[in-house]
Amino acid sequence: MTYLTGEVTVIHDGDSVNFTAFTYSAVYCNVAGPITFTINGSTVSMELGDTIEVVVDGNTTVVPSGAFANNLLFLGNPNPVQTEFRTGLISGGTTEVYRFVNIKNGNPTDG
């Protein structure tokens, strides 16, 4: 998981944060402080340039909006698609059909 290595591919402000599609592994303060916010149910005070490296829980974090939307930047990555499908031999008989995973796009391919 990239949140363990510190790699991020997206930076969202309060207007574009999306806890369903992304996992955020850090929060960066983008305004002179001290500014107080609630992150993961805890009240924290941050100064300009401070970064808190934590997997952010969208249920217990208060995301700023309106004029304050760019005060916190959420750094993270898209959530992996959790698609399950059967692979290998999927039908027998006189014509055997196999299902494989296309490694370029992650979609199943029958052949």
PDB file of N, CA and C in Angstrom:
ATOM      1  N   MET A   1       0.842  -1.181   0.000  1.00  0.00           N
ATOM      2  CA  MET A   1       0.000   0.000   0.000  1.00  0.00           C
ATOM      3  C   MET A   1       0.883   1.239   0.000  1.00  0.00           C
ATOM      4  N   THR A   2       0.533   2.187  -0.856  1.00  0.00           N
ATOM      5  CA  THR A   2       1.396   3.354  -1.000  1.00  0.00           C
ATOM      6  C   THR A   2       1.357   4.279   0.203  1.00  0.00           C
ATOM      7  N   TYR A   3       0.293   4.227   1.011  1.00  0.00           N
ATOM      8  CA  TYR A   3       0.285   5.095   2.180  1.00  0.00           C
ATOM      9  C   TYR A   3       1.375   4.701   3.174  1.00  0.00           C
ATOM     10  N   LEU A   4       1.857   3.477   3.095  1.00  0.00           N
ATOM     11  CA  LEU A   4       2.941   3.048   3.977  1.00  0.00           C
ATOM     12  C   LEU A   4       4.296   3.585   3.520  1.00  0.00           C
ATOM     13  N   THR A   5       4.427   3.881   2.237  1.00  0.00           N
ATOM     14  CA  THR A   5       5.701   4.364   1.707  1.00  0.00           C
ATOM     15  C   THR A   5       5.725   5.867   1.521  1.00  0.00           C
ATOM     16  N   GLY A   6       4.611   6.543   1.727  1.00  0.00           N
ATOM     17  CA  GLY A   6       4.567   7.989   1.597  1.00  0.00           C
ATOM     18  C   GLY A   6       4.297   8.488   0.195  1.00  0.00           C
ATOM     19  N   GLU A   7       4.040   7.592  -0.738  1.00  0.00           N
ATOM     20  CA  GLU A   7       3.740   8.006  -2.106  1.00  0.00           C
ATOM     21  C   GLU A   7       2.287   8.434  -2.199  1.00  0.00           C
ATOM     22  N   VAL A   8       2.045   9.571  -2.836  1.00  0.00           N
ATOM     23  CA  VAL A   8       0.675  10.028  -3.060  1.00  0.00           C
ATOM     24  C   VAL A   8       0.524  10.433  -4.513  1.00  0.00           C
ATOM     25  N   THR A   9      -0.694  10.290  -5.030  1.00  0.00           N
ATOM     26  CA  THR A   9      -0.951  10.644  -6.421  1.00  0.00           C
ATOM     27  C   THR A   9      -2.008  11.727  -6.566  1.00  0.00           C
ATOM     28  N   VAL A  10      -2.669  12.092  -5.472  1.00  0.00           N
ATOM     29  CA  VAL A  10      -3.674  13.159  -5.535  1.00  0.00           C
ATOM     30  C   VAL A  10      -3.507  14.103  -4.351  1.00  0.00           C
ATOM     31  N   ILE A  11      -3.861  15.355  -4.596  1.00  0.00           N
ATOM     32  CA  ILE A  11      -3.916  16.368  -3.540  1.00  0.00           C
ATOM     33  C   ILE A  11      -5.272  17.041  -3.687  1.00  0.00           C
ATOM     34  N   HIS A  12      -6.108  16.923  -2.666  1.00  0.00           N
ATOM     35  CA  HIS A  12      -7.456  17.497  -2.705  1.00  0.00           C
ATOM     36  C   HIS A  12      -7.617  18.516  -1.596  1.00  0.00           C
ATOM     37  N   ASP A  13      -8.309  19.611  -1.915  1.00  0.00           N
ATOM     38  CA  ASP A  13      -8.681  20.553  -0.867  1.00  0.00           C
ATOM     39  C   ASP A  13     -10.059  20.161  -0.345  1.00  0.00           C
ATOM     40  N   GLY A  14     -10.586  20.940   0.558  1.00  0.00           N
ATOM     41  CA  GLY A  14     -11.865  20.603   1.183  1.00  0.00           C
ATOM     42  C   GLY A  14     -13.027  20.503   0.216  1.00  0.00           C
ATOM     43  N   ASP A  15     -12.964  21.234  -0.901  1.00  0.00           N
ATOM     44  CA  ASP A  15     -14.049  21.175  -1.879  1.00  0.00           C
ATOM     45  C   ASP A  15     -14.023  19.907  -2.725  1.00  0.00           C
ATOM     46  N   SER A  16     -12.859  19.273  -2.862  1.00  0.00           N
ATOM     47  CA  SER A  16     -12.761  18.110  -3.750  1.00  0.00           C
ATOM     48  C   SER A  16     -12.448  16.800  -3.025  1.00  0.00           C
ATOM     49  N   VAL A  17     -12.365  16.828  -1.699  1.00  0.00           N
ATOM     50  CA  VAL A  17     -12.078  15.605  -0.949  1.00  0.00           C
ATOM     51  C   VAL A  17     -13.205  14.588  -1.156  1.00  0.00           C
ATOM     52  N   ASN A  18     -12.825  13.308  -1.312  1.00  0.00           N
ATOM     53  CA  ASN A  18     -13.799  12.251  -1.581  1.00  0.00           C
ATOM     54  C   ASN A  18     -13.324  10.983  -0.875  1.00  0.00           C
ATOM     55  N   PHE A  19     -13.898  10.706   0.282  1.00  0.00           N
ATOM     56  CA  PHE A  19     -13.457   9.564   1.078  1.00  0.00           C
ATOM     57  C   PHE A  19     -13.943   8.227   0.518  1.00  0.00           C
ATOM     58  N   THR A  20     -14.884   8.239  -0.402  1.00  0.00           N
ATOM     59  CA  THR A  20     -15.357   7.005  -1.008  1.00  0.00           C
ATOM     60  C   THR A  20     -14.379   6.512  -2.066  1.00  0.00           C
ATOM     61  N   ALA A  21     -13.877   7.416  -2.879  1.00  0.00           N
ATOM     62  CA  ALA A  21     -13.019   7.036  -4.001  1.00  0.00           C
ATOM     63  C   ALA A  21     -11.528   7.090  -3.679  1.00  0.00           C
ATOM     64  N   PHE A  22     -11.148   7.741  -2.561  1.00  0.00           N
ATOM     65  CA  PHE A  22      -9.732   7.933  -2.248  1.00  0.00           C
ATOM     66  C   PHE A  22      -9.430   7.599  -0.794  1.00  0.00           C
ATOM     67  N   THR A  23      -8.198   7.184  -0.549  1.00  0.00           N
ATOM     68  CA  THR A  23      -7.678   7.034   0.800  1.00  0.00           C
ATOM     69  C   THR A  23      -6.612   8.106   0.981  1.00  0.00           C
ATOM     70  N   TYR A  24      -6.784   8.926   1.996  1.00  0.00           N
ATOM     71  CA  TYR A  24      -5.843  10.018   2.256  1.00  0.00           C
ATOM     72  C   TYR A  24      -4.904   9.614   3.383  1.00  0.00           C
ATOM     73  N   SER A  25      -3.599   9.799   3.144  1.00  0.00           N
ATOM     74  CA  SER A  25      -2.599   9.345   4.105  1.00  0.00           C
ATOM     75  C   SER A  25      -1.846  10.491   4.765  1.00  0.00           C
ATOM     76  N   ALA A  26      -2.214  11.715   4.452  1.00  0.00           N
ATOM     77  CA  ALA A  26      -1.580  12.865   5.082  1.00  0.00           C
ATOM     78  C   ALA A  26      -2.472  14.088   4.912  1.00  0.00           C
ATOM     79  N   VAL A  27      -2.303  15.038   5.828  1.00  0.00           N
ATOM     80  CA  VAL A  27      -3.008  16.311   5.767  1.00  0.00           C
ATOM     81  C   VAL A  27      -1.960  17.406   5.887  1.00  0.00           C
ATOM     82  N   TYR A  28      -2.021  18.375   4.971  1.00  0.00           N
ATOM     83  CA  TYR A  28      -1.059  19.471   4.926  1.00  0.00           C
ATOM     84  C   TYR A  28      -1.797  20.772   5.211  1.00  0.00           C
ATOM     85  N   CYS A  29      -1.240  21.615   6.079  1.00  0.00           N
ATOM     86  CA  CYS A  29      -1.835  22.910   6.386  1.00  0.00           C
ATOM     87  C   CYS A  29      -1.322  23.941   5.384  1.00  0.00           C
ATOM     88  N   ASN A  30      -2.255  24.633   4.730  1.00  0.00           N
ATOM     89  CA  ASN A  30      -1.928  25.539   3.643  1.00  0.00           C
ATOM     90  C   ASN A  30      -2.192  27.004   3.991  1.00  0.00           C
ATOM     91  N   VAL A  31      -2.240  27.327   5.282  1.00  0.00           N
ATOM     92  CA  VAL A  31      -2.551  28.696   5.685  1.00  0.00           C
ATOM     93  C   VAL A  31      -1.816  29.006   6.994  1.00  0.00           C
ATOM     94  N   ALA A  32      -1.485  30.289   7.190  1.00  0.00           N
ATOM     95  CA  ALA A  32      -0.820  30.684   8.434  1.00  0.00           C
ATOM     96  C   ALA A  32      -1.727  30.379   9.615  1.00  0.00           C
ATOM     97  N   GLY A  33      -1.162  29.861  10.660  1.00  0.00           N
ATOM     98  CA  GLY A  33      -1.961  29.415  11.798  1.00  0.00           C
ATOM     99  C   GLY A  33      -1.632  30.171  13.057  1.00  0.00           C
ATOM    100  N   PRO A  34      -1.957  29.601  14.165  1.00  0.00           N
ATOM    101  CA  PRO A  34      -2.465  28.244  14.287  1.00  0.00           C
ATOM    102  C   PRO A  34      -3.928  28.128  13.851  1.00  0.00           C
ATOM    103  N   ILE A  35      -4.221  27.042  13.171  1.00  0.00           N
ATOM    104  CA  ILE A  35      -5.566  26.704  12.730  1.00  0.00           C
ATOM    105  C   ILE A  35      -5.952  25.393  13.417  1.00  0.00           C
ATOM    106  N   THR A  36      -7.145  25.331  13.953  1.00  0.00           N
ATOM    107  CA  THR A  36      -7.596  24.137  14.658  1.00  0.00           C
ATOM    108  C   THR A  36      -8.637  23.409  13.823  1.00  0.00           C
ATOM    109  N   PHE A  37      -8.431  22.101  13.643  1.00  0.00           N
ATOM    110  CA  PHE A  37      -9.331  21.245  12.869  1.00  0.00           C
ATOM    111  C   PHE A  37      -9.553  19.948  13.626  1.00  0.00           C
ATOM    112  N   THR A  38     -10.571  19.207  13.227  1.00  0.00           N
ATOM    113  CA  THR A  38     -10.812  17.872  13.775  1.00  0.00           C
ATOM    114  C   THR A  38     -10.418  16.850  12.726  1.00  0.00           C
ATOM    115  N   ILE A  39      -9.441  16.018  13.056  1.00  0.00           N
ATOM    116  CA  ILE A  39      -8.963  14.956  12.172  1.00  0.00           C
ATOM    117  C   ILE A  39      -9.046  13.645  12.942  1.00  0.00           C
ATOM    118  N   ASN A  40      -9.760  12.669  12.381  1.00  0.00           N
ATOM    119  CA  ASN A  40      -9.943  11.359  13.025  1.00  0.00           C
ATOM    120  C   ASN A  40     -10.487  11.486  14.444  1.00  0.00           C
ATOM    121  N   GLY A  41     -11.377  12.451  14.635  1.00  0.00           N
ATOM    122  CA  GLY A  41     -12.023  12.620  15.925  1.00  0.00           C
ATOM    123  C   GLY A  41     -11.215  13.397  16.944  1.00  0.00           C
ATOM    124  N   SER A  42      -9.987  13.781  16.590  1.00  0.00           N
ATOM    125  CA  SER A  42      -9.133  14.536  17.509  1.00  0.00           C
ATOM    126  C   SER A  42      -8.971  15.966  17.020  1.00  0.00           C
ATOM    127  N   THR A  43      -8.985  16.888  17.947  1.00  0.00           N
ATOM    128  CA  THR A  43      -8.761  18.283  17.606  1.00  0.00           C
ATOM    129  C   THR A  43      -7.257  18.529  17.563  1.00  0.00           C
ATOM    130  N   VAL A  44      -6.799  19.036  16.431  1.00  0.00           N
ATOM    131  CA  VAL A  44      -5.374  19.318  16.259  1.00  0.00           C
ATOM    132  C   VAL A  44      -5.200  20.760  15.829  1.00  0.00           C
ATOM    133  N   SER A  45      -4.064  21.321  16.172  1.00  0.00           N
ATOM    134  CA  SER A  45      -3.718  22.678  15.782  1.00  0.00           C
ATOM    135  C   SER A  45      -2.525  22.600  14.831  1.00  0.00           C
ATOM    136  N   MET A  46      -2.655  23.270  13.688  1.00  0.00           N
ATOM    137  CA  MET A  46      -1.600  23.201  12.679  1.00  0.00           C
ATOM    138  C   MET A  46      -1.166  24.603  12.269  1.00  0.00           C
ATOM    139  N   GLU A  47       0.074  24.696  11.863  1.00  0.00           N
ATOM    140  CA  GLU A  47       0.662  25.930  11.337  1.00  0.00           C
ATOM    141  C   GLU A  47       0.934  25.744   9.850  1.00  0.00           C
ATOM    142  N   LEU A  48       1.150  26.834   9.145  1.00  0.00           N
ATOM    143  CA  LEU A  48       1.495  26.779   7.731  1.00  0.00           C
ATOM    144  C   LEU A  48       2.692  25.853   7.516  1.00  0.00           C
ATOM    145  N   GLY A  49       2.545  24.886   6.620  1.00  0.00           N
ATOM    146  CA  GLY A  49       3.613  23.952   6.303  1.00  0.00           C
ATOM    147  C   GLY A  49       3.619  22.681   7.128  1.00  0.00           C
ATOM    148  N   ASP A  50       2.790  22.600   8.171  1.00  0.00           N
ATOM    149  CA  ASP A  50       2.712  21.369   8.971  1.00  0.00           C
ATOM    150  C   ASP A  50       2.048  20.255   8.171  1.00  0.00           C
ATOM    151  N   THR A  51       2.547  19.043   8.353  1.00  0.00           N
ATOM    152  CA  THR A  51       1.951  17.861   7.737  1.00  0.00           C
ATOM    153  C   THR A  51       1.708  16.827   8.818  1.00  0.00           C
ATOM    154  N   ILE A  52       0.521  16.256   8.821  1.00  0.00           N
ATOM    155  CA  ILE A  52       0.206  15.152   9.718  1.00  0.00           C
ATOM    156  C   ILE A  52       0.070  13.921   8.839  1.00  0.00           C
ATOM    157  N   GLU A  53       0.929  12.942   9.064  1.00  0.00           N
ATOM    158  CA  GLU A  53       0.877  11.699   8.302  1.00  0.00           C
ATOM    159  C   GLU A  53       0.027  10.699   9.066  1.00  0.00           C
ATOM    160  N   VAL A  54      -1.196  10.505   8.569  1.00  0.00           N
ATOM    161  CA  VAL A  54      -2.156   9.622   9.209  1.00  0.00           C
ATOM    162  C   VAL A  54      -3.171   9.208   8.147  1.00  0.00           C
ATOM    163  N   VAL A  55      -3.634   7.974   8.209  1.00  0.00           N
ATOM    164  CA  VAL A  55      -4.710   7.559   7.315  1.00  0.00           C
ATOM    165  C   VAL A  55      -5.980   8.225   7.842  1.00  0.00           C
ATOM    166  N   VAL A  56      -6.568   9.088   7.031  1.00  0.00           N
ATOM    167  CA  VAL A  56      -7.676   9.933   7.468  1.00  0.00           C
ATOM    168  C   VAL A  56      -8.994   9.171   7.388  1.00  0.00           C
ATOM    169  N   ASP A  57      -9.737   9.181   8.501  1.00  0.00           N
ATOM    170  CA  ASP A  57     -11.062   8.567   8.573  1.00  0.00           C
ATOM    171  C   ASP A  57     -12.093   9.635   8.236  1.00  0.00           C
ATOM    172  N   GLY A  58     -12.764   9.470   7.107  1.00  0.00           N
ATOM    173  CA  GLY A  58     -13.753  10.450   6.665  1.00  0.00           C
ATOM    174  C   GLY A  58     -14.940  10.584   7.584  1.00  0.00           C
ATOM    175  N   ASN A  59     -15.220   9.561   8.383  1.00  0.00           N
ATOM    176  CA  ASN A  59     -16.360   9.610   9.298  1.00  0.00           C
ATOM    177  C   ASN A  59     -16.100  10.471  10.513  1.00  0.00           C
ATOM    178  N   THR A  60     -14.837  10.670  10.871  1.00  0.00           N
ATOM    179  CA  THR A  60     -14.513  11.409  12.096  1.00  0.00           C
ATOM    180  C   THR A  60     -13.635  12.622  11.832  1.00  0.00           C
ATOM    181  N   THR A  61     -13.606  13.076  10.586  1.00  0.00           N
ATOM    182  CA  THR A  61     -12.815  14.245  10.201  1.00  0.00           C
ATOM    183  C   THR A  61     -13.760  15.336   9.710  1.00  0.00           C
ATOM    184  N   VAL A  62     -13.554  16.565  10.182  1.00  0.00           N
ATOM    185  CA  VAL A  62     -14.360  17.696   9.745  1.00  0.00           C
ATOM    186  C   VAL A  62     -13.610  18.374   8.603  1.00  0.00           C
ATOM    187  N   VAL A  63     -14.165  18.270   7.397  1.00  0.00           N
ATOM    188  CA  VAL A  63     -13.530  18.836   6.214  1.00  0.00           C
ATOM    189  C   VAL A  63     -13.970  20.286   6.081  1.00  0.00           C
ATOM    190  N   PRO A  64     -13.011  21.217   5.980  1.00  0.00           N
ATOM    191  CA  PRO A  64     -13.393  22.620   5.828  1.00  0.00           C
ATOM    192  C   PRO A  64     -14.078  22.862   4.483  1.00  0.00           C
ATOM    193  N   SER A  65     -14.964  23.844   4.456  1.00  0.00           N
ATOM    194  CA  SER A  65     -15.667  24.164   3.210  1.00  0.00           C
ATOM    195  C   SER A  65     -15.708  25.673   3.036  1.00  0.00           C
ATOM    196  N   GLY A  66     -16.223  26.098   1.900  1.00  0.00           N
ATOM    197  CA  GLY A  66     -16.361  27.527   1.627  1.00  0.00           C
ATOM    198  C   GLY A  66     -15.012  28.218   1.571  1.00  0.00           C
ATOM    199  N   ALA A  67     -14.901  29.354   2.256  1.00  0.00           N
ATOM    200  CA  ALA A  67     -13.671  30.152   2.243  1.00  0.00           C
ATOM    201  C   ALA A  67     -12.500  29.412   2.887  1.00  0.00           C
ATOM    202  N   PHE A  68     -12.786  28.402   3.715  1.00  0.00           N
ATOM    203  CA  PHE A  68     -11.731  27.666   4.403  1.00  0.00           C
ATOM    204  C   PHE A  68     -11.338  26.373   3.687  1.00  0.00           C
ATOM    205  N   ALA A  69     -11.922  26.108   2.533  1.00  0.00           N
ATOM    206  CA  ALA A  69     -11.728  24.830   1.843  1.00  0.00           C
ATOM    207  C   ALA A  69     -10.278  24.549   1.482  1.00  0.00           C
ATOM    208  N   ASN A  70      -9.491  25.574   1.217  1.00  0.00           N
ATOM    209  CA  ASN A  70      -8.099  25.320   0.835  1.00  0.00           C
ATOM    210  C   ASN A  70      -7.133  25.426   2.004  1.00  0.00           C
ATOM    211  N   ASN A  71      -7.634  25.501   3.231  1.00  0.00           N
ATOM    212  CA  ASN A  71      -6.755  25.563   4.398  1.00  0.00           C
ATOM    213  C   ASN A  71      -6.075  24.235   4.690  1.00  0.00           C
ATOM    214  N   LEU A  72      -6.751  23.135   4.377  1.00  0.00           N
ATOM    215  CA  LEU A  72      -6.170  21.804   4.540  1.00  0.00           C
ATOM    216  C   LEU A  72      -6.115  21.132   3.185  1.00  0.00           C
ATOM    217  N   LEU A  73      -4.997  20.505   2.888  1.00  0.00           N
ATOM    218  CA  LEU A  73      -4.865  19.717   1.671  1.00  0.00           C
ATOM    219  C   LEU A  73      -4.738  18.262   2.069  1.00  0.00           C
ATOM    220  N   PHE A  74      -5.540  17.408   1.459  1.00  0.00           N
ATOM    221  CA  PHE A  74      -5.547  15.983   1.747  1.00  0.00           C
ATOM    222  C   PHE A  74      -4.736  15.271   0.670  1.00  0.00           C
ATOM    223  N   LEU A  75      -3.695  14.538   1.076  1.00  0.00           N
ATOM    224  CA  LEU A  75      -2.808  13.842   0.149  1.00  0.00           C
ATOM    225  C   LEU A  75      -3.110  12.357   0.203  1.00  0.00           C
ATOM    226  N   GLY A  76      -3.288  11.730  -0.967  1.00  0.00           N
ATOM    227  CA  GLY A  76      -3.642  10.322  -0.947  1.00  0.00           C
ATOM    228  C   GLY A  76      -3.583   9.657  -2.294  1.00  0.00           C
ATOM    229  N   ASN A  77      -4.348   8.579  -2.412  1.00  0.00           N
ATOM    230  CA  ASN A  77      -4.364   7.745  -3.610  1.00  0.00           C
ATOM    231  C   ASN A  77      -5.763   7.221  -3.856  1.00  0.00           C
ATOM    232  N   PRO A  78      -6.083   6.910  -5.119  1.00  0.00           N
ATOM    233  CA  PRO A  78      -7.379   6.291  -5.403  1.00  0.00           C
ATOM    234  C   PRO A  78      -7.491   4.944  -4.701  1.00  0.00           C
ATOM    235  N   ASN A  79      -8.692   4.627  -4.252  1.00  0.00           N
ATOM    236  CA  ASN A  79      -8.937   3.311  -3.664  1.00  0.00           C
ATOM    237  C   ASN A  79      -8.879   2.263  -4.765  1.00  0.00           C
ATOM    238  N   PRO A  80      -8.312   1.102  -4.478  1.00  0.00           N
ATOM    239  CA  PRO A  80      -8.313   0.050  -5.495  1.00  0.00           C
ATOM    240  C   PRO A  80      -9.730  -0.436  -5.757  1.00  0.00           C
ATOM    241  N   VAL A  81      -9.981  -0.820  -6.981  1.00  0.00           N
ATOM    242  CA  VAL A  81     -11.287  -1.358  -7.341  1.00  0.00           C
ATOM    243  C   VAL A  81     -11.377  -2.773  -6.784  1.00  0.00           C
ATOM    244  N   GLN A  82     -12.416  -3.029  -6.024  1.00  0.00           N
ATOM    245  CA  GLN A  82     -12.587  -4.330  -5.386  1.00  0.00           C
ATOM    246  C   GLN A  82     -13.546  -5.188  -6.211  1.00  0.00           C
ATOM    247  N   THR A  83     -13.071  -5.630  -7.351  1.00  0.00           N
ATOM    248  CA  THR A  83     -13.893  -6.462  -8.221  1.00  0.00           C
ATOM    249  C   THR A  83     -13.415  -7.897  -8.119  1.00  0.00           C
ATOM    250  N   GLU A  84     -14.344  -8.802  -7.906  1.00  0.00           N
ATOM    251  CA  GLU A  84     -14.009 -10.220  -7.836  1.00  0.00           C
ATOM    252  C   GLU A  84     -14.699 -10.947  -8.970  1.00  0.00           C
ATOM    253  N   PHE A  85     -13.983 -11.837  -9.613  1.00  0.00           N
ATOM    254  CA  PHE A  85     -14.558 -12.677 -10.642  1.00  0.00           C
ATOM    255  C   PHE A  85     -13.768 -13.961 -10.704  1.00  0.00           C
ATOM    256  N   ARG A  86     -14.434 -14.983 -11.144  1.00  0.00           N
ATOM    257  CA  ARG A  86     -13.824 -16.298 -11.239  1.00  0.00           C
ATOM    258  C   ARG A  86     -12.850 -16.343 -12.414  1.00  0.00           C
ATOM    259  N   THR A  87     -11.694 -16.963 -12.205  1.00  0.00           N
ATOM    260  CA  THR A  87     -10.713 -17.104 -13.279  1.00  0.00           C
ATOM    261  C   THR A  87     -10.417 -18.583 -13.489  1.00  0.00           C
ATOM    262  N   GLY A  88      -9.702 -18.857 -14.578  1.00  0.00           N
ATOM    263  CA  GLY A  88      -9.382 -20.235 -14.914  1.00  0.00           C
ATOM    264  C   GLY A  88     -10.483 -20.840 -15.767  1.00  0.00           C
ATOM    265  N   LEU A  89     -10.659 -22.148 -15.673  1.00  0.00           N
ATOM    266  CA  LEU A  89     -11.682 -22.851 -16.442  1.00  0.00           C
ATOM    267  C   LEU A  89     -13.062 -22.486 -15.899  1.00  0.00           C
ATOM    268  N   ILE A  90     -13.895 -21.847 -16.738  1.00  0.00           N
ATOM    269  CA  ILE A  90     -15.228 -21.451 -16.269  1.00  0.00           C
ATOM    270  C   ILE A  90     -16.339 -22.276 -16.900  1.00  0.00           C
ATOM    271  N   SER A  91     -16.030 -23.044 -17.947  1.00  0.00           N
ATOM    272  CA  SER A  91     -17.025 -23.979 -18.487  1.00  0.00           C
ATOM    273  C   SER A  91     -16.298 -25.149 -19.125  1.00  0.00           C
ATOM    274  N   GLY A  92     -16.897 -26.299 -19.028  1.00  0.00           N
ATOM    275  CA  GLY A  92     -16.286 -27.507 -19.580  1.00  0.00           C
ATOM    276  C   GLY A  92     -17.116 -28.050 -20.726  1.00  0.00           C
ATOM    277  N   GLY A  93     -16.999 -29.328 -20.920  1.00  0.00           N
ATOM    278  CA  GLY A  93     -17.738 -29.949 -22.015  1.00  0.00           C
ATOM    279  C   GLY A  93     -16.857 -30.049 -23.249  1.00  0.00           C
ATOM    280  N   THR A  94     -17.500 -29.988 -24.402  1.00  0.00           N
ATOM    281  CA  THR A  94     -16.729 -30.111 -25.643  1.00  0.00           C
ATOM    282  C   THR A  94     -15.931 -28.854 -25.948  1.00  0.00           C
ATOM    283  N   THR A  95     -16.417 -27.694 -25.483  1.00  0.00           N
ATOM    284  CA  THR A  95     -15.686 -26.436 -25.670  1.00  0.00           C
ATOM    285  C   THR A  95     -15.343 -25.882 -24.298  1.00  0.00           C
ATOM    286  N   GLU A  96     -14.058 -25.805 -24.016  1.00  0.00           N
ATOM    287  CA  GLU A  96     -13.628 -25.265 -22.728  1.00  0.00           C
ATOM    288  C   GLU A  96     -13.433 -23.755 -22.860  1.00  0.00           C
ATOM    289  N   VAL A  97     -13.913 -23.026 -21.863  1.00  0.00           N
ATOM    290  CA  VAL A  97     -13.753 -21.574 -21.841  1.00  0.00           C
ATOM    291  C   VAL A  97     -12.975 -21.218 -20.585  1.00  0.00           C
ATOM    292  N   TYR A  98     -11.915 -20.451 -20.777  1.00  0.00           N
ATOM    293  CA  TYR A  98     -11.083 -20.001 -19.671  1.00  0.00           C
ATOM    294  C   TYR A  98     -11.237 -18.492 -19.518  1.00  0.00           C
ATOM    295  N   ARG A  99     -11.133 -18.028 -18.301  1.00  0.00           N
ATOM    296  CA  ARG A  99     -11.168 -16.588 -18.032  1.00  0.00           C
ATOM    297  C   ARG A  99      -9.821 -16.190 -17.427  1.00  0.00           C
ATOM    298  N   PHE A 100      -9.254 -15.142 -18.003  1.00  0.00           N
ATOM    299  CA  PHE A 100      -7.972 -14.613 -17.560  1.00  0.00           C
ATOM    300  C   PHE A 100      -8.152 -13.153 -17.172  1.00  0.00           C
ATOM    301  N   VAL A 101      -7.148 -12.590 -16.533  1.00  0.00           N
ATOM    302  CA  VAL A 101      -7.167 -11.176 -16.176  1.00  0.00           C
ATOM    303  C   VAL A 101      -6.230 -10.440 -17.115  1.00  0.00           C
ATOM    304  N   ASN A 102      -6.752  -9.411 -17.772  1.00  0.00           N
ATOM    305  CA  ASN A 102      -5.940  -8.547 -18.620  1.00  0.00           C
ATOM    306  C   ASN A 102      -5.079  -7.692 -17.692  1.00  0.00           C
ATOM    307  N   ILE A 103      -3.768  -7.883 -17.724  1.00  0.00           N
ATOM    308  CA  ILE A 103      -2.900  -7.187 -16.769  1.00  0.00           C
ATOM    309  C   ILE A 103      -2.772  -5.693 -17.060  1.00  0.00           C
ATOM    310  N   LYS A 104      -3.173  -5.256 -18.233  1.00  0.00           N
ATOM    311  CA  LYS A 104      -3.099  -3.831 -18.547  1.00  0.00           C
ATOM    312  C   LYS A 104      -4.259  -3.047 -17.943  1.00  0.00           C
ATOM    313  N   ASN A 105      -5.459  -3.639 -17.918  1.00  0.00           N
ATOM    314  CA  ASN A 105      -6.613  -2.894 -17.396  1.00  0.00           C
ATOM    315  C   ASN A 105      -7.311  -3.568 -16.226  1.00  0.00           C
ATOM    316  N   GLY A 106      -6.925  -4.785 -15.864  1.00  0.00           N
ATOM    317  CA  GLY A 106      -7.505  -5.486 -14.730  1.00  0.00           C
ATOM    318  C   GLY A 106      -8.855  -6.114 -14.980  1.00  0.00           C
ATOM    319  N   ASN A 107      -9.324  -6.094 -16.222  1.00  0.00           N
ATOM    320  CA  ASN A 107     -10.634  -6.648 -16.562  1.00  0.00           C
ATOM    321  C   ASN A 107     -10.510  -8.116 -16.976  1.00  0.00           C
ATOM    322  N   PRO A 108     -11.580  -8.884 -16.765  1.00  0.00           N
ATOM    323  CA  PRO A 108     -11.541 -10.290 -17.186  1.00  0.00           C
ATOM    324  C   PRO A 108     -11.628 -10.414 -18.712  1.00  0.00           C
ATOM    325  N   THR A 109     -10.972 -11.428 -19.235  1.00  0.00           N
ATOM    326  CA  THR A 109     -10.991 -11.737 -20.662  1.00  0.00           C
ATOM    327  C   THR A 109     -11.281 -13.219 -20.818  1.00  0.00           C
ATOM    328  N   ASP A 110     -12.320 -13.543 -21.566  1.00  0.00           N
ATOM    329  CA  ASP A 110     -12.651 -14.942 -21.818  1.00  0.00           C
ATOM    330  C   ASP A 110     -11.984 -15.395 -23.105  1.00  0.00           C
ATOM    331  N   GLY A 111     -11.505 -16.638 -23.091  1.00  0.00           N
ATOM    332  CA  GLY A 111     -10.876 -17.136 -24.305  1.00  0.00           C
ATOM    333  C   GLY A 111     -10.782 -18.628 -24.309  1.00  0.00           C
TER     334      GLY A 111
END
